[in-house]
Amino acid sequence: MKQGRQYDKQLAIGNVATYATQWCVWWVTLQPAWRGTLWPLLRTPELNKTWDKVQKGGRNGVLVVILSLGWWVSVVESDVDRHEATSAVEYVMWVLQELMKYPQGYK
């Protein structure tokens, strides 16, 4: 992304395991504090908590998350890598479903 937004270009991922670890760390930083900091993150929304940190649109929002998952999924070769990537996709899908239920957060 630093060289411009070329969404149609595949990111060169040298080591899938390293990318997976870095992606998970990054994803955790995008989450509200109530989800915790240990992978896998909590999936039980707390009342009166919001999704403000992840509820972002535009070029630097959810699009980048989906794009980065696509890069990851496109380079998996082993069953272990495929399982990790699939789990990450499921985590993101859960968050997107929650965002659709509560478009203004939980308050």
N, C-alpha and C. Protein backbone atom coordinates (compact mmCIF):
# COMPACT_ATOMS: atom_id res chain seq x y z
N MET A 1 0.81 -1.19 0.00
CA MET A 1 0.00 0.00 0.00
C MET A 1 0.86 1.26 0.00
N LYS A 2 2.08 1.18 0.46
CA LYS A 2 2.94 2.35 0.53
C LYS A 2 3.25 2.91 -0.86
N GLN A 3 3.28 2.05 -1.87
CA GLN A 3 3.62 2.49 -3.22
C GLN A 3 2.38 2.91 -4.01
N GLY A 4 1.29 3.10 -3.37
CA GLY A 4 0.07 3.48 -4.07
C GLY A 4 -0.94 2.34 -3.98
N ARG A 5 -2.15 2.64 -4.28
CA ARG A 5 -3.21 1.66 -4.14
C ARG A 5 -3.40 0.90 -5.45
N GLN A 6 -2.67 -0.15 -5.60
CA GLN A 6 -2.79 -1.00 -6.77
C GLN A 6 -3.49 -2.28 -6.35
N TYR A 7 -4.80 -2.20 -6.21
CA TYR A 7 -5.58 -3.28 -5.66
C TYR A 7 -5.54 -4.54 -6.51
N ASP A 8 -5.22 -4.42 -7.77
CA ASP A 8 -5.22 -5.59 -8.65
C ASP A 8 -3.89 -6.34 -8.64
N LYS A 9 -2.92 -5.89 -7.88
CA LYS A 9 -1.60 -6.54 -7.83
C LYS A 9 -1.50 -7.41 -6.59
N GLN A 10 -1.00 -8.62 -6.79
CA GLN A 10 -0.79 -9.55 -5.68
C GLN A 10 0.43 -9.13 -4.87
N LEU A 11 0.31 -9.13 -3.57
CA LEU A 11 1.43 -8.86 -2.69
C LEU A 11 2.37 -10.06 -2.72
N ALA A 12 3.66 -9.81 -2.82
CA ALA A 12 4.64 -10.90 -2.80
C ALA A 12 4.83 -11.35 -1.35
N ILE A 13 4.32 -12.53 -1.04
CA ILE A 13 4.43 -13.07 0.31
C ILE A 13 5.49 -14.16 0.27
N GLY A 14 6.60 -13.90 0.94
CA GLY A 14 7.70 -14.86 0.93
C GLY A 14 7.46 -16.05 1.83
N ASN A 15 7.02 -15.79 3.04
CA ASN A 15 6.81 -16.85 4.02
C ASN A 15 5.38 -16.75 4.53
N VAL A 16 4.58 -17.74 4.21
CA VAL A 16 3.16 -17.70 4.56
C VAL A 16 2.96 -17.69 6.07
N ALA A 17 3.74 -18.45 6.81
CA ALA A 17 3.60 -18.49 8.26
C ALA A 17 3.90 -17.13 8.89
N THR A 18 4.91 -16.45 8.40
CA THR A 18 5.26 -15.12 8.91
C THR A 18 4.14 -14.13 8.58
N TYR A 19 3.64 -14.18 7.36
CA TYR A 19 2.54 -13.31 6.97
C TYR A 19 1.33 -13.56 7.87
N ALA A 20 1.03 -14.83 8.12
CA ALA A 20 -0.12 -15.19 8.96
C ALA A 20 0.03 -14.60 10.35
N THR A 21 1.20 -14.74 10.94
CA THR A 21 1.44 -14.21 12.27
C THR A 21 1.30 -12.70 12.28
N GLN A 22 1.90 -12.04 11.31
CA GLN A 22 1.82 -10.58 11.24
C GLN A 22 0.39 -10.11 10.99
N TRP A 23 -0.34 -10.84 10.16
CA TRP A 23 -1.72 -10.47 9.88
C TRP A 23 -2.54 -10.56 11.16
N CYS A 24 -2.37 -11.63 11.92
CA CYS A 24 -3.14 -11.81 13.16
C CYS A 24 -2.82 -10.72 14.17
N VAL A 25 -1.56 -10.36 14.29
CA VAL A 25 -1.17 -9.27 15.21
C VAL A 25 -1.83 -7.97 14.76
N TRP A 26 -1.80 -7.69 13.47
CA TRP A 26 -2.42 -6.48 12.92
C TRP A 26 -3.93 -6.49 13.17
N TRP A 27 -4.59 -7.62 12.92
CA TRP A 27 -6.03 -7.73 13.10
C TRP A 27 -6.41 -7.46 14.56
N VAL A 28 -5.62 -7.97 15.50
CA VAL A 28 -5.88 -7.73 16.91
C VAL A 28 -5.84 -6.23 17.22
N THR A 29 -4.90 -5.51 16.61
CA THR A 29 -4.80 -4.06 16.87
C THR A 29 -6.00 -3.29 16.33
N LEU A 30 -6.71 -3.86 15.38
CA LEU A 30 -7.89 -3.20 14.81
C LEU A 30 -9.15 -3.42 15.63
N GLN A 31 -9.09 -4.32 16.59
CA GLN A 31 -10.28 -4.72 17.34
C GLN A 31 -10.49 -3.85 18.57
N PRO A 32 -11.74 -3.74 19.00
CA PRO A 32 -12.01 -3.03 20.25
C PRO A 32 -11.38 -3.79 21.42
N ALA A 33 -11.03 -3.08 22.46
CA ALA A 33 -10.34 -3.67 23.60
C ALA A 33 -11.13 -4.81 24.25
N TRP A 34 -12.46 -4.74 24.21
CA TRP A 34 -13.26 -5.77 24.87
C TRP A 34 -13.09 -7.14 24.24
N ARG A 35 -12.53 -7.23 23.04
CA ARG A 35 -12.32 -8.53 22.41
C ARG A 35 -11.07 -9.23 22.92
N GLY A 36 -10.24 -8.52 23.69
CA GLY A 36 -9.03 -9.12 24.23
C GLY A 36 -7.85 -8.95 23.29
N THR A 37 -6.73 -9.53 23.69
CA THR A 37 -5.52 -9.40 22.88
C THR A 37 -4.92 -10.75 22.51
N LEU A 38 -5.54 -11.82 22.96
CA LEU A 38 -5.01 -13.15 22.66
C LEU A 38 -5.83 -13.81 21.56
N TRP A 39 -5.12 -14.42 20.64
CA TRP A 39 -5.75 -15.11 19.52
C TRP A 39 -6.19 -16.49 19.97
N PRO A 40 -7.38 -16.93 19.71
CA PRO A 40 -8.46 -16.24 19.01
C PRO A 40 -9.16 -15.23 19.92
N LEU A 41 -9.64 -14.18 19.30
CA LEU A 41 -10.30 -13.11 20.05
C LEU A 41 -11.70 -13.54 20.50
N LEU A 42 -12.19 -12.86 21.54
CA LEU A 42 -13.53 -13.15 22.05
C LEU A 42 -14.57 -12.88 20.97
N ARG A 43 -15.59 -13.73 20.93
CA ARG A 43 -16.69 -13.54 19.98
C ARG A 43 -18.01 -13.24 20.67
N THR A 44 -17.97 -12.93 21.94
CA THR A 44 -19.19 -12.61 22.66
C THR A 44 -19.22 -11.10 22.91
N PRO A 45 -20.03 -10.39 22.14
CA PRO A 45 -20.09 -8.94 22.31
C PRO A 45 -20.59 -8.56 23.70
N GLU A 46 -19.98 -7.57 24.26
CA GLU A 46 -20.42 -7.05 25.56
C GLU A 46 -21.39 -5.90 25.32
N LEU A 47 -22.39 -5.81 26.17
CA LEU A 47 -23.35 -4.72 26.06
C LEU A 47 -22.66 -3.38 26.29
N ASN A 48 -23.16 -2.37 25.64
CA ASN A 48 -22.64 -1.00 25.75
C ASN A 48 -21.21 -0.86 25.25
N LYS A 49 -20.77 -1.77 24.42
CA LYS A 49 -19.45 -1.67 23.79
C LYS A 49 -19.67 -1.43 22.31
N THR A 50 -18.72 -0.81 21.67
CA THR A 50 -18.89 -0.48 20.26
C THR A 50 -17.81 -1.15 19.40
N TRP A 51 -18.01 -1.03 18.12
CA TRP A 51 -17.07 -1.53 17.12
C TRP A 51 -16.34 -0.36 16.46
N ASP A 52 -16.26 0.77 17.11
CA ASP A 52 -15.71 1.98 16.50
C ASP A 52 -14.34 1.77 15.85
N LYS A 53 -13.48 0.97 16.47
CA LYS A 53 -12.13 0.80 15.92
C LYS A 53 -12.13 0.07 14.59
N VAL A 54 -13.05 -0.86 14.39
CA VAL A 54 -13.05 -1.65 13.16
C VAL A 54 -14.12 -1.18 12.17
N GLN A 55 -15.04 -0.37 12.62
CA GLN A 55 -16.16 0.07 11.81
C GLN A 55 -15.75 1.25 10.93
N LYS A 56 -14.89 0.95 9.97
CA LYS A 56 -14.37 2.00 9.10
C LYS A 56 -14.51 1.58 7.64
N GLY A 57 -14.95 2.50 6.84
CA GLY A 57 -15.05 2.25 5.42
C GLY A 57 -13.90 2.93 4.69
N GLY A 58 -14.03 3.03 3.42
CA GLY A 58 -13.02 3.74 2.62
C GLY A 58 -11.80 2.89 2.32
N ARG A 59 -10.80 3.56 1.77
CA ARG A 59 -9.59 2.87 1.29
C ARG A 59 -8.77 2.25 2.40
N ASN A 60 -8.87 2.75 3.61
CA ASN A 60 -8.08 2.21 4.71
C ASN A 60 -8.93 1.45 5.72
N GLY A 61 -10.11 1.06 5.33
CA GLY A 61 -11.02 0.37 6.24
C GLY A 61 -11.10 -1.11 5.96
N VAL A 62 -12.31 -1.60 5.98
CA VAL A 62 -12.56 -3.03 5.82
C VAL A 62 -12.03 -3.55 4.48
N LEU A 63 -11.99 -2.72 3.47
CA LEU A 63 -11.47 -3.14 2.17
C LEU A 63 -10.05 -3.68 2.29
N VAL A 64 -9.21 -3.03 3.06
CA VAL A 64 -7.82 -3.47 3.22
C VAL A 64 -7.77 -4.82 3.94
N VAL A 65 -8.67 -5.02 4.89
CA VAL A 65 -8.72 -6.30 5.60
C VAL A 65 -9.06 -7.42 4.62
N ILE A 66 -10.08 -7.21 3.81
CA ILE A 66 -10.49 -8.23 2.84
C ILE A 66 -9.41 -8.46 1.80
N LEU A 67 -8.79 -7.41 1.33
CA LEU A 67 -7.71 -7.52 0.36
C LEU A 67 -6.55 -8.32 0.93
N SER A 68 -6.18 -8.03 2.17
CA SER A 68 -5.06 -8.73 2.79
C SER A 68 -5.37 -10.21 3.00
N LEU A 69 -6.63 -10.52 3.30
CA LEU A 69 -7.03 -11.93 3.41
C LEU A 69 -6.94 -12.62 2.06
N GLY A 70 -7.33 -11.92 1.02
CA GLY A 70 -7.23 -12.49 -0.33
C GLY A 70 -5.80 -12.82 -0.70
N TRP A 71 -4.87 -11.94 -0.36
CA TRP A 71 -3.46 -12.22 -0.63
C TRP A 71 -3.03 -13.48 0.09
N TRP A 72 -3.42 -13.58 1.36
CA TRP A 72 -3.05 -14.72 2.18
C TRP A 72 -3.62 -16.02 1.60
N VAL A 73 -4.92 -16.02 1.34
CA VAL A 73 -5.58 -17.22 0.83
C VAL A 73 -4.99 -17.67 -0.50
N SER A 74 -4.56 -16.72 -1.30
CA SER A 74 -4.06 -17.06 -2.64
C SER A 74 -2.69 -17.74 -2.63
N VAL A 75 -1.99 -17.70 -1.50
CA VAL A 75 -0.65 -18.31 -1.46
C VAL A 75 -0.54 -19.53 -0.56
N VAL A 76 -1.63 -19.94 0.07
CA VAL A 76 -1.54 -21.11 0.94
C VAL A 76 -1.29 -22.36 0.13
N GLU A 77 -0.47 -23.24 0.68
CA GLU A 77 -0.17 -24.50 0.00
C GLU A 77 -0.40 -25.69 0.91
N SER A 78 -0.08 -25.54 2.19
CA SER A 78 -0.22 -26.68 3.10
C SER A 78 -1.59 -26.66 3.78
N ASP A 79 -1.96 -27.80 4.33
CA ASP A 79 -3.23 -27.88 5.06
C ASP A 79 -3.21 -26.98 6.29
N VAL A 80 -2.07 -26.88 6.94
CA VAL A 80 -1.95 -26.03 8.13
C VAL A 80 -2.17 -24.57 7.74
N ASP A 81 -1.51 -24.13 6.67
CA ASP A 81 -1.68 -22.74 6.21
C ASP A 81 -3.13 -22.49 5.79
N ARG A 82 -3.73 -23.46 5.13
CA ARG A 82 -5.12 -23.32 4.67
C ARG A 82 -6.06 -23.20 5.87
N HIS A 83 -5.82 -24.01 6.89
CA HIS A 83 -6.66 -23.95 8.09
C HIS A 83 -6.54 -22.58 8.77
N GLU A 84 -5.33 -22.07 8.91
CA GLU A 84 -5.13 -20.76 9.54
C GLU A 84 -5.79 -19.64 8.75
N ALA A 85 -5.63 -19.68 7.42
CA ALA A 85 -6.24 -18.65 6.58
C ALA A 85 -7.75 -18.73 6.64
N THR A 86 -8.29 -19.95 6.61
CA THR A 86 -9.73 -20.13 6.69
C THR A 86 -10.27 -19.64 8.02
N SER A 87 -9.54 -19.89 9.09
CA SER A 87 -9.95 -19.40 10.41
C SER A 87 -9.98 -17.87 10.43
N ALA A 88 -8.99 -17.24 9.84
CA ALA A 88 -8.95 -15.78 9.79
C ALA A 88 -10.13 -15.24 9.00
N VAL A 89 -10.45 -15.88 7.89
CA VAL A 89 -11.61 -15.47 7.09
C VAL A 89 -12.88 -15.58 7.93
N GLU A 90 -13.00 -16.67 8.68
CA GLU A 90 -14.18 -16.85 9.53
C GLU A 90 -14.26 -15.77 10.61
N TYR A 91 -13.13 -15.40 11.21
CA TYR A 91 -13.12 -14.34 12.22
C TYR A 91 -13.58 -13.02 11.61
N VAL A 92 -13.09 -12.70 10.43
CA VAL A 92 -13.49 -11.45 9.78
C VAL A 92 -14.96 -11.49 9.41
N MET A 93 -15.42 -12.63 8.90
CA MET A 93 -16.84 -12.76 8.55
C MET A 93 -17.72 -12.54 9.78
N TRP A 94 -17.30 -13.07 10.93
CA TRP A 94 -18.08 -12.89 12.15
C TRP A 94 -18.17 -11.40 12.50
N VAL A 95 -17.05 -10.71 12.41
CA VAL A 95 -17.05 -9.27 12.72
C VAL A 95 -17.96 -8.53 11.75
N LEU A 96 -17.89 -8.84 10.47
CA LEU A 96 -18.74 -8.17 9.49
C LEU A 96 -20.22 -8.43 9.77
N GLN A 97 -20.53 -9.65 10.17
CA GLN A 97 -21.92 -9.96 10.53
C GLN A 97 -22.37 -9.15 11.75
N GLU A 98 -21.49 -9.00 12.73
CA GLU A 98 -21.81 -8.19 13.90
C GLU A 98 -22.00 -6.73 13.52
N LEU A 99 -21.17 -6.24 12.63
CA LEU A 99 -21.29 -4.85 12.19
C LEU A 99 -22.63 -4.62 11.49
N MET A 100 -23.10 -5.61 10.76
CA MET A 100 -24.38 -5.48 10.07
C MET A 100 -25.55 -5.51 11.06
N LYS A 101 -25.41 -6.26 12.14
CA LYS A 101 -26.47 -6.32 13.15
C LYS A 101 -26.60 -5.00 13.89
N TYR A 102 -25.46 -4.39 14.15
CA TYR A 102 -25.41 -3.18 14.97
C TYR A 102 -24.62 -2.10 14.24
N PRO A 103 -25.19 -1.54 13.17
CA PRO A 103 -24.42 -0.57 12.38
C PRO A 103 -23.94 0.64 13.15
N GLN A 104 -24.54 0.95 14.27
CA GLN A 104 -24.10 2.09 15.08
C GLN A 104 -23.42 1.61 16.36
N GLY A 105 -22.97 0.38 16.40
CA GLY A 105 -22.36 -0.16 17.62
C GLY A 105 -23.42 -0.79 18.50
N TYR A 106 -23.11 -1.04 19.73
CA TYR A 106 -24.02 -1.70 20.65
C TYR A 106 -24.75 -0.74 21.57
N LYS A 107 -24.40 0.51 21.55
CA LYS A 107 -25.00 1.46 22.49
C LYS A 107 -26.43 1.77 22.11
